Amino acid sequence: MSIENAIERLEAMLGPRLSTAAAIREHHGRNETYYPVTPPDAVAFPETTEEVAAIVRLCAEERCPIVPWGVGTSLEGHALAFEGGLSLDMSRMDRILEVHEADMDAVVQPGVTRKRLNEELRATGLFFPVDPGADATLGGMAATRASGTNAVRYGTMRENVLALEAVLADGRVIRAGTRARKSSSGYDLKNLIVGSEGTLAVITELTVRLHGQPEAVSAATCAFETVGGAVNACIETIQSGIPVARIEFLDAASIAAFNDYAGFDLPVRPHLFLEFHGSEAGVAEQAARFGEIADEHGAQGFRWTSDAQERNRLWSARHNAYFAFKAQRPGARALTTDVCVPISRLAEAIEAAAADIAQSRLSGSILGHVGDGNFHVAYLLDPDSPEDLEEARRLTHRMNLNALALGGTVTGEHGVGRGKIPYMAAEHGEAWQVMAQIKRTLDPLNILNPGKVVQIN
């Protein structure tokens, strides 16, 4: 039993859809953050659930690790094969199987990307709302319990996955959930697998919730004199029940990078970016009510537009904020992290992170989906400087501990992967050991994405 035997047997099974080419392996060993390139021993490209099940059974026999791969946009090393083995690339399982317009759901394979699904849905008047920025696959988004800019109104992947099909570590294929909008039948295995980061099962099919495209959409930018003013305006907006679809915070450093990268001319001050969905009258009322709240918190300027081209330009630039910030220092790498706190403690958490950045020699930026208490920090590092990496980890450590002290979590959407494991015991206590028991039960050989989320050795 060995990885080498597994590769030899997989080559016989898959032919050219099993690759050991250096370029393919290196591509599947890269990530969007600071981890070094970590190539798997081989990459498989299955096309059916039956093939996935056969691959998993074979790898179980050979004790070969399996790491599912979407498009590799995760930020905590989720898709890296730290223990070698097989990268299971799901990109060829990319069919939209069914769209049920009357029931507002769709059945898709895991390799379908969110942008492609919405392109296919355009003529139906429906859309899929979960938008993490990157054009990730729906399988990867479900595995990492992704959320993003629309989560404050439409929820995360947990709320938008109705059912799934998955292959367990012994090759069994199970279905969890149904197309019904609710159920009180049995354990909630669907939500156990959603967010498990490929450590409990390989997702091979998803039934996702769709939503009606709003009659009217408007977007706005609003500058503030202080970080506290922007964040407190967000808090009051949510507490007032204004149904914003998106409400994003960007600090002054993010805005400076945003202007340089995307050609905007926004004041270099803390900002909120917003989007309102609804009827024409409803959108206008929401914008007016927000404007009143913003004025009370030191707003310096409120611009809004209903022009689709302008909105798309704004949100495209927002989604590229990570690359915009990196462009401020060519050749640098970025360590990005996120936390989520109760919304009443959000200003306190962001101001503490901002103070840490101000006192550090590293450049840092803060932005996030503040409507649900989730924010992100990025630090720019010299890739050849161990001191830079150590300093970024020190700042991240302080941010994580502060989030826990405020009643929050060390990750609102990036997930655990490998990077957040050191904080799992502090956040979950004995429940983390229960998670490990579940992992041992469903994957006793520890072949599914080993070394992530839990520790079982």
Protein backbone atom coordinates (compact mmCIF):
# COMPACT_ATOMS: atom_id res chain seq x y z
CA MET A 1 0.00 0.00 0.00
CA SER A 2 1.51 3.30 -1.11
CA ILE A 3 0.94 6.53 -3.01
CA GLU A 4 3.08 5.10 -5.85
CA ASN A 5 0.81 2.04 -6.14
CA ALA A 6 -2.25 4.29 -6.10
CA ILE A 7 -0.88 6.41 -8.95
CA GLU A 8 -0.07 3.34 -11.02
CA ARG A 9 -3.57 1.94 -10.53
CA LEU A 10 -5.20 5.32 -11.19
CA GLU A 11 -3.29 5.65 -14.48
CA ALA A 12 -4.78 2.33 -15.56
CA MET A 13 -8.24 3.54 -14.55
CA LEU A 14 -8.20 7.11 -15.91
CA GLY A 15 -5.59 7.10 -18.66
CA PRO A 16 -4.67 10.68 -19.66
CA ARG A 17 -7.04 12.07 -17.01
CA LEU A 18 -4.44 11.18 -14.39
CA SER A 19 -1.47 13.53 -14.63
CA THR A 20 1.93 13.51 -12.96
CA ALA A 21 3.27 16.30 -15.19
CA ALA A 22 5.27 18.85 -13.21
CA ALA A 23 3.34 21.86 -14.55
CA ILE A 24 -0.04 20.34 -13.68
CA ARG A 25 1.15 19.33 -10.22
CA GLU A 26 2.65 22.75 -9.58
CA HIS A 27 -0.59 24.48 -10.60
CA HIS A 28 -2.44 22.36 -8.05
CA GLY A 29 0.16 23.21 -5.43
CA ARG A 30 -0.29 26.98 -5.66
CA ASN A 31 -2.52 29.16 -3.50
CA GLU A 32 -3.62 32.79 -3.15
CA THR A 33 -1.73 33.47 0.06
CA TYR A 34 1.66 32.93 1.70
CA TYR A 35 1.98 29.12 1.71
CA PRO A 36 4.83 27.82 -0.46
CA VAL A 37 4.05 25.81 -3.58
CA THR A 38 3.04 22.34 -2.37
CA PRO A 39 2.48 20.03 -5.37
CA PRO A 40 0.50 16.80 -4.99
CA ASP A 41 1.98 13.57 -6.31
CA ALA A 42 -0.65 13.38 -9.05
CA VAL A 43 -3.82 15.09 -10.28
CA ALA A 44 -6.99 13.23 -11.27
CA PHE A 45 -9.80 14.67 -13.41
CA PRO A 46 -12.98 12.63 -12.80
CA GLU A 47 -16.09 13.13 -14.93
CA THR A 48 -18.80 11.25 -13.00
CA THR A 49 -19.84 10.45 -9.46
CA GLU A 50 -19.09 6.80 -10.18
CA GLU A 51 -15.52 7.67 -11.10
CA VAL A 52 -15.09 9.72 -7.93
CA ALA A 53 -16.36 6.78 -5.87
CA ALA A 54 -13.98 4.39 -7.65
CA ILE A 55 -11.04 6.74 -7.11
CA VAL A 56 -11.84 7.11 -3.42
CA ARG A 57 -12.15 3.33 -2.94
CA LEU A 58 -8.81 2.77 -4.65
CA CYS A 59 -7.12 5.47 -2.58
CA ALA A 60 -8.58 3.98 0.61
CA GLU A 61 -7.05 0.62 -0.30
CA GLU A 62 -3.66 2.26 -0.88
CA ARG A 63 -3.89 4.74 2.05
CA CYS A 64 -3.37 7.57 -0.44
CA PRO A 65 -4.48 11.08 0.66
CA ILE A 66 -7.10 12.83 -1.48
CA VAL A 67 -7.46 16.62 -1.61
CA PRO A 68 -10.48 17.95 -3.56
CA TRP A 69 -9.72 20.91 -5.85
CA GLY A 70 -12.09 23.53 -7.30
CA VAL A 71 -10.14 26.47 -8.74
CA GLY A 72 -7.71 26.99 -5.87
CA THR A 73 -8.93 30.35 -4.54
CA SER A 74 -9.04 29.38 -0.85
CA LEU A 75 -6.90 31.34 1.61
CA GLU A 76 -6.00 28.98 4.46
CA GLY A 77 -4.28 26.19 2.55
CA HIS A 78 -7.48 24.12 2.23
CA ALA A 79 -6.65 22.65 -1.18
CA LEU A 80 -2.94 22.04 -0.68
CA ALA A 81 -1.63 18.47 -0.44
CA PHE A 82 0.64 19.01 2.58
CA GLU A 83 0.89 15.21 3.02
CA GLY A 84 1.22 14.42 -0.66
CA GLY A 85 -1.17 12.16 -2.51
CA LEU A 86 -3.85 12.98 -5.06
CA SER A 87 -5.39 16.32 -6.01
CA LEU A 88 -8.94 15.56 -7.17
CA ASP A 89 -9.72 18.25 -9.72
CA MET A 90 -13.51 18.53 -10.15
CA SER A 91 -13.42 20.94 -13.10
CA ARG A 92 -14.76 18.39 -15.62
CA MET A 93 -17.87 17.80 -13.53
CA ASP A 94 -19.30 21.13 -14.65
CA ARG A 95 -22.84 20.49 -15.89
CA ILE A 96 -25.94 22.39 -14.85
CA LEU A 97 -28.24 19.39 -14.57
CA GLU A 98 -31.64 20.93 -13.84
CA VAL A 99 -33.20 24.34 -13.28
CA HIS A 100 -36.60 24.35 -11.58
CA GLU A 101 -37.88 27.86 -12.16
CA ALA A 102 -41.17 27.40 -10.32
CA ASP A 103 -39.42 26.03 -7.24
CA MET A 104 -36.48 28.46 -7.54
CA ASP A 105 -33.70 25.89 -7.31
CA ALA A 106 -31.06 24.33 -9.54
CA VAL A 107 -29.14 21.05 -9.54
CA VAL A 108 -25.49 21.38 -10.54
CA GLN A 109 -22.26 19.45 -10.56
CA PRO A 110 -19.50 20.77 -8.27
CA GLY A 111 -17.29 22.18 -11.03
CA VAL A 112 -19.88 24.76 -12.11
CA THR A 113 -18.70 28.28 -11.24
CA ARG A 114 -21.03 30.87 -9.74
CA LYS A 115 -20.64 33.24 -12.72
CA ARG A 116 -21.50 30.54 -15.22
CA LEU A 117 -24.59 29.52 -13.27
CA ASN A 118 -25.82 33.11 -13.22
CA GLU A 119 -25.17 33.49 -16.94
CA GLU A 120 -27.34 30.43 -17.57
CA LEU A 121 -30.05 31.80 -15.28
CA ARG A 122 -30.21 35.28 -16.79
CA ALA A 123 -33.24 34.59 -18.98
CA THR A 124 -35.22 33.00 -16.12
CA GLY A 125 -35.40 36.08 -13.90
CA LEU A 126 -33.58 34.16 -11.17
CA PHE A 127 -30.04 34.35 -9.78
CA PHE A 128 -27.72 32.64 -7.34
CA PRO A 129 -26.68 35.23 -4.75
CA VAL A 130 -23.60 33.90 -2.93
CA ASP A 131 -20.70 36.02 -4.14
CA PRO A 132 -17.28 35.54 -2.49
CA GLY A 133 -15.61 37.68 -5.14
CA ALA A 134 -13.52 35.01 -6.84
CA ASP A 135 -15.25 33.01 -9.56
CA ALA A 136 -15.07 29.91 -7.41
CA THR A 137 -16.74 26.58 -8.11
CA LEU A 138 -19.96 25.84 -6.28
CA GLY A 139 -18.46 22.62 -4.92
CA GLY A 140 -15.56 24.51 -3.41
CA MET A 141 -17.89 27.20 -2.10
CA ALA A 142 -20.05 24.59 -0.40
CA ALA A 143 -17.04 22.76 1.03
CA THR A 144 -15.71 25.97 2.60
CA ARG A 145 -19.13 27.38 3.54
CA ALA A 146 -18.41 30.49 1.46
CA SER A 147 -20.32 33.71 1.81
CA GLY A 148 -19.34 37.18 0.54
CA THR A 149 -20.80 40.55 -0.26
CA ASN A 150 -24.46 39.48 -0.54
CA ALA A 151 -24.55 37.37 2.64
CA VAL A 152 -26.07 40.10 4.80
CA ARG A 153 -29.34 39.74 2.83
CA TYR A 154 -29.24 36.35 1.13
CA GLY A 155 -27.19 34.22 3.52
CA THR A 156 -24.14 32.00 3.08
CA MET A 157 -23.71 28.68 1.29
CA ARG A 158 -25.16 26.95 4.34
CA GLU A 159 -28.50 28.68 3.74
CA ASN A 160 -28.37 28.32 -0.05
CA VAL A 161 -27.56 24.62 -0.41
CA LEU A 162 -30.76 22.58 -0.15
CA ALA A 163 -29.30 19.14 -0.84
CA LEU A 164 -26.14 17.43 -1.99
CA GLU A 165 -24.66 14.18 -3.18
CA ALA A 166 -21.28 13.18 -1.77
CA VAL A 167 -18.78 10.33 -1.77
CA LEU A 168 -17.62 9.16 1.66
CA ALA A 169 -14.11 8.00 2.48
CA ASP A 170 -15.00 4.33 1.85
CA GLY A 171 -16.50 5.09 -1.58
CA ARG A 172 -20.14 5.04 -0.55
CA VAL A 173 -22.35 7.61 -2.31
CA ILE A 174 -24.92 9.36 -0.14
CA ARG A 175 -27.57 12.03 -0.65
CA ALA A 176 -28.29 14.53 2.12
CA GLY A 177 -31.18 16.98 2.06
CA THR A 178 -34.01 17.35 -0.46
CA ARG A 179 -35.50 20.00 -2.71
CA ALA A 180 -38.10 20.73 -0.02
CA ARG A 181 -37.50 24.05 1.75
CA LYS A 182 -37.52 22.47 5.20
CA SER A 183 -37.39 19.08 6.89
CA SER A 184 -37.36 17.63 10.40
CA SER A 185 -36.25 14.21 9.19
CA GLY A 186 -33.09 12.73 10.65
CA TYR A 187 -29.67 14.23 11.34
CA ASP A 188 -28.68 17.23 9.24
CA LEU A 189 -25.91 15.56 7.26
CA LYS A 190 -26.13 18.16 4.52
CA ASN A 191 -25.00 20.92 6.85
CA LEU A 192 -22.35 18.65 8.34
CA ILE A 193 -20.75 18.26 4.92
CA VAL A 194 -21.22 21.92 3.92
CA GLY A 195 -18.23 23.64 5.50
CA SER A 196 -16.28 20.43 6.24
CA GLU A 197 -13.58 21.50 3.72
CA GLY A 198 -13.34 18.11 2.02
CA THR A 199 -12.37 16.33 5.25
CA LEU A 200 -15.56 14.25 5.54
CA ALA A 201 -16.70 13.67 1.95
CA VAL A 202 -16.21 14.72 -1.67
CA ILE A 203 -19.21 16.69 -2.96
CA THR A 204 -20.35 15.48 -6.39
CA GLU A 205 -23.70 17.27 -6.83
CA LEU A 206 -25.52 20.24 -5.30
CA THR A 207 -29.08 21.49 -5.22
CA VAL A 208 -28.92 25.24 -4.65
CA ARG A 209 -31.54 27.82 -3.76
CA LEU A 210 -32.21 30.56 -6.33
CA HIS A 211 -33.68 34.01 -5.81
CA GLY A 212 -35.68 36.39 -7.95
CA GLN A 213 -33.76 39.15 -9.67
CA PRO A 214 -34.82 42.45 -8.04
CA GLU A 215 -36.86 44.97 -9.99
CA ALA A 216 -34.43 47.75 -9.15
CA VAL A 217 -30.83 47.85 -7.93
CA SER A 218 -28.77 50.84 -6.84
CA ALA A 219 -25.23 51.08 -5.51
CA ALA A 220 -23.65 53.73 -3.34
CA THR A 221 -20.34 54.83 -1.91
CA CYS A 222 -20.10 56.88 1.24
CA ALA A 223 -16.95 58.37 2.77
CA PHE A 224 -16.55 58.92 6.52
CA GLU A 225 -14.24 60.99 8.65
CA THR A 226 -13.31 58.04 10.88
CA VAL A 227 -13.30 54.25 10.92
CA GLY A 228 -15.64 54.32 13.91
CA GLY A 229 -18.10 56.54 12.06
CA ALA A 230 -18.28 54.18 9.09
CA VAL A 231 -18.66 51.06 11.20
CA ASN A 232 -21.23 52.59 13.53
CA ALA A 233 -23.28 53.77 10.54
CA CYS A 234 -23.26 50.16 9.34
CA ILE A 235 -24.34 48.86 12.76
CA GLU A 236 -27.23 51.33 12.99
CA THR A 237 -28.31 50.52 9.42
CA ILE A 238 -28.60 46.83 10.26
CA GLN A 239 -30.28 47.48 13.60
CA SER A 240 -32.81 49.75 11.86
CA GLY A 241 -33.94 46.90 9.65
CA ILE A 242 -32.94 48.49 6.34
CA PRO A 243 -32.71 45.45 4.01
CA VAL A 244 -29.38 46.29 2.37
CA ALA A 245 -28.17 43.67 -0.08
CA ARG A 246 -24.50 44.56 0.42
CA ILE A 247 -22.69 46.79 2.89
CA GLU A 248 -18.91 46.71 2.66
CA PHE A 249 -16.27 48.55 4.67
CA LEU A 250 -12.96 49.69 3.17
CA ASP A 251 -10.34 51.57 5.17
CA ALA A 252 -8.26 54.44 3.76
CA ALA A 253 -5.42 52.12 2.70
CA SER A 254 -7.88 49.99 0.75
CA ILE A 255 -9.37 53.06 -0.93
CA ALA A 256 -5.92 54.35 -1.96
CA ALA A 257 -5.12 50.98 -3.56
CA PHE A 258 -8.62 50.83 -5.07
CA ASN A 259 -8.16 54.24 -6.74
CA ASP A 260 -4.73 53.37 -8.16
CA TYR A 261 -5.73 49.94 -9.42
CA ALA A 262 -9.19 50.62 -10.82
CA GLY A 263 -9.01 54.29 -11.80
CA PHE A 264 -11.47 55.64 -9.23
CA ASP A 265 -11.13 59.04 -7.53
CA LEU A 266 -12.73 58.38 -4.16
CA PRO A 267 -11.57 60.41 -1.14
CA VAL A 268 -8.80 58.50 0.67
CA ARG A 269 -10.88 57.98 3.80
CA PRO A 270 -12.81 55.07 5.32
CA HIS A 271 -15.78 54.13 3.13
CA LEU A 272 -18.89 52.05 3.04
CA PHE A 273 -19.94 50.54 -0.29
CA LEU A 274 -23.61 49.59 -0.42
CA GLU A 275 -26.18 48.02 -2.70
CA PHE A 276 -29.95 48.16 -2.38
CA HIS A 277 -32.40 45.69 -4.00
CA GLY A 278 -36.17 45.97 -4.36
CA SER A 279 -38.80 48.01 -6.15
CA GLU A 280 -37.97 51.44 -7.56
CA ALA A 281 -39.69 53.13 -4.62
CA GLY A 282 -38.23 50.72 -2.08
CA VAL A 283 -34.67 51.20 -3.29
CA ALA A 284 -35.03 54.99 -3.19
CA GLU A 285 -36.44 54.81 0.36
CA GLN A 286 -33.63 52.52 1.55
CA ALA A 287 -30.99 54.86 0.12
CA ALA A 288 -32.62 57.90 1.71
CA ARG A 289 -32.86 56.22 5.12
CA PHE A 290 -29.23 55.15 4.96
CA GLY A 291 -28.20 58.68 4.00
CA GLU A 292 -29.85 60.05 7.15
CA ILE A 293 -28.02 57.51 9.33
CA ALA A 294 -24.71 58.18 7.59
CA ASP A 295 -25.02 61.94 8.17
CA GLU A 296 -25.37 61.29 11.91
CA HIS A 297 -22.04 59.42 11.88
CA GLY A 298 -19.90 61.94 10.05
CA ALA A 299 -20.48 61.04 6.42
CA GLN A 300 -18.31 63.11 4.06
CA GLY A 301 -20.10 62.33 0.82
CA PHE A 302 -22.79 59.94 -0.43
CA ARG A 303 -22.84 59.00 -4.11
CA TRP A 304 -25.28 56.51 -5.58
CA THR A 305 -26.20 55.19 -8.99
CA SER A 306 -28.68 52.79 -10.55
CA ASP A 307 -26.65 52.50 -13.77
CA ALA A 308 -25.81 48.81 -14.26
CA GLN A 309 -22.45 49.51 -15.91
CA GLU A 310 -21.33 51.76 -13.04
CA ARG A 311 -22.51 49.23 -10.45
CA ASN A 312 -20.67 46.40 -12.16
CA ARG A 313 -17.52 48.49 -12.35
CA LEU A 314 -17.73 49.33 -8.66
CA TRP A 315 -18.22 45.74 -7.49
CA SER A 316 -15.67 44.33 -9.92
CA ALA A 317 -13.12 46.71 -8.44
CA ARG A 318 -14.22 45.81 -4.90
CA HIS A 319 -13.74 42.11 -5.65
CA ASN A 320 -10.23 42.88 -6.91
CA ALA A 321 -9.27 44.74 -3.73
CA TYR A 322 -6.85 41.95 -2.76
CA PHE A 323 -4.94 42.34 -6.03
CA ALA A 324 -5.16 46.13 -5.81
CA PHE A 325 -3.51 46.10 -2.40
CA LYS A 326 -0.79 43.70 -3.56
CA ALA A 327 -0.08 46.01 -6.50
CA GLN A 328 0.91 48.72 -4.03
CA ARG A 329 4.13 46.78 -3.47
CA PRO A 330 5.13 44.80 -6.58
CA GLY A 331 6.68 41.46 -5.76
CA ALA A 332 5.13 41.29 -2.30
CA ARG A 333 2.97 38.45 -1.04
CA ALA A 334 -0.06 38.94 1.12
CA LEU A 335 -1.16 37.23 4.28
CA THR A 336 -4.90 37.62 4.55
CA THR A 337 -7.08 36.68 7.47
CA ASP A 338 -10.62 37.22 8.66
CA VAL A 339 -12.66 37.15 11.84
CA CYS A 340 -16.32 37.67 12.64
CA VAL A 341 -17.76 39.25 15.80
CA PRO A 342 -21.20 40.19 17.11
CA ILE A 343 -22.18 43.31 15.23
CA SER A 344 -22.36 45.39 18.43
CA ARG A 345 -18.61 44.73 18.96
CA LEU A 346 -17.60 45.33 15.34
CA ALA A 347 -16.28 48.87 15.74
CA GLU A 348 -14.18 47.78 18.71
CA ALA A 349 -12.70 44.84 16.77
CA ILE A 350 -11.86 46.85 13.65
CA GLU A 351 -10.36 49.73 15.62
CA ALA A 352 -8.14 47.30 17.54
CA ALA A 353 -6.90 45.75 14.28
CA ALA A 354 -6.30 49.23 12.82
CA ALA A 355 -4.28 50.24 15.90
CA ASP A 356 -2.12 47.12 15.55
CA ILE A 357 -1.42 47.93 11.89
CA ALA A 358 -0.53 51.53 12.75
CA GLN A 359 2.05 50.32 15.28
CA SER A 360 3.55 47.70 12.95
CA ARG A 361 6.23 48.08 10.31
CA LEU A 362 4.04 46.10 7.87
CA SER A 363 1.54 47.68 5.50
CA GLY A 364 -1.99 46.47 6.14
CA SER A 365 -5.52 47.09 4.91
CA ILE A 366 -8.92 46.34 6.41
CA LEU A 367 -12.11 45.62 4.51
CA GLY A 368 -15.04 43.34 4.91
CA HIS A 369 -18.67 42.34 4.80
CA VAL A 370 -19.45 44.36 7.90
CA GLY A 371 -23.21 43.95 7.66
CA ASP A 372 -22.78 40.56 9.35
CA GLY A 373 -19.79 41.43 11.53
CA ASN A 374 -17.16 39.88 9.25
CA PHE A 375 -13.99 41.73 8.26
CA HIS A 376 -10.66 40.92 6.62
CA VAL A 377 -7.12 42.17 7.07
CA ALA A 378 -4.32 41.83 4.53
CA TYR A 379 -0.63 42.36 5.33
CA LEU A 380 2.02 42.82 2.63
CA LEU A 381 5.14 40.69 3.09
CA ASP A 382 8.54 40.42 1.50
CA PRO A 383 8.42 36.79 0.34
CA ASP A 384 12.08 36.38 1.32
CA SER A 385 11.71 37.82 4.81
CA PRO A 386 10.95 35.38 7.66
CA GLU A 387 10.68 38.45 9.91
CA ASP A 388 7.79 39.84 7.84
CA LEU A 389 5.94 36.53 8.03
CA GLU A 390 6.49 36.31 11.76
CA GLU A 391 5.20 39.85 12.27
CA ALA A 392 2.08 39.16 10.18
CA ARG A 393 1.42 36.02 12.19
CA ARG A 394 1.83 38.01 15.42
CA LEU A 395 -0.75 40.56 14.27
CA THR A 396 -3.09 37.80 13.11
CA HIS A 397 -2.74 36.07 16.48
CA ARG A 398 -3.75 39.25 18.30
CA MET A 399 -6.71 39.72 15.98
CA ASN A 400 -7.90 36.14 16.49
CA LEU A 401 -7.66 36.31 20.28
CA ASN A 402 -9.48 39.64 20.33
CA ALA A 403 -12.31 38.22 18.20
CA LEU A 404 -12.74 35.33 20.64
CA ALA A 405 -12.68 37.70 23.61
CA LEU A 406 -15.48 39.71 21.98
CA GLY A 407 -17.66 36.62 21.58
CA GLY A 408 -16.80 36.00 17.93
CA THR A 409 -15.07 33.44 15.74
CA VAL A 410 -11.58 33.26 14.25
CA THR A 411 -13.02 32.92 10.76
CA GLY A 412 -16.27 34.15 9.28
CA GLU A 413 -15.69 32.84 5.78
CA HIS A 414 -12.06 31.97 5.00
CA GLY A 415 -12.45 28.68 6.87
CA VAL A 416 -10.03 26.70 8.99
CA GLY A 417 -7.81 24.85 6.52
CA ARG A 418 -4.44 24.56 8.19
CA GLY A 419 -3.93 28.19 9.18
CA LYS A 420 -6.68 28.47 11.81
CA ILE A 421 -6.18 25.09 13.52
CA PRO A 422 -4.18 26.61 16.42
CA TYR A 423 -7.32 28.48 17.53
CA MET A 424 -9.90 25.72 17.24
CA ALA A 425 -9.55 24.45 20.80
CA ALA A 426 -9.88 27.97 22.21
CA GLU A 427 -12.99 28.65 20.16
CA HIS A 428 -14.76 25.30 20.45
CA GLY A 429 -13.43 23.68 23.60
CA GLU A 430 -14.51 20.05 23.98
CA ALA A 431 -16.65 20.37 20.85
CA TRP A 432 -13.45 20.32 18.77
CA GLN A 433 -12.75 16.82 20.10
CA VAL A 434 -16.28 15.83 19.05
CA MET A 435 -15.46 17.07 15.55
CA ALA A 436 -12.37 14.84 15.60
CA GLN A 437 -14.55 11.88 16.63
CA ILE A 438 -16.85 12.54 13.68
CA LYS A 439 -13.80 12.65 11.37
CA ARG A 440 -12.52 9.33 12.75
CA THR A 441 -15.92 7.72 12.26
CA LEU A 442 -16.43 8.87 8.67
CA ASP A 443 -12.78 8.74 7.59
CA PRO A 444 -10.97 6.25 9.85
CA LEU A 445 -7.95 6.07 7.51
CA ASN A 446 -7.65 9.88 7.43
CA ILE A 447 -7.33 10.05 3.65
CA LEU A 448 -9.74 12.96 2.95
CA ASN A 449 -7.84 16.25 3.07
CA PRO A 450 -5.74 15.20 6.06
CA GLY A 451 -4.31 17.82 8.39
CA LYS A 452 -7.16 20.30 7.95
CA VAL A 453 -9.86 21.50 10.38
CA VAL A 454 -9.20 18.86 13.07
CA GLN A 455 -6.24 16.94 14.50
CA ILE A 456 -6.73 13.20 14.91
CA ASN A 457 -3.21 11.85 15.27
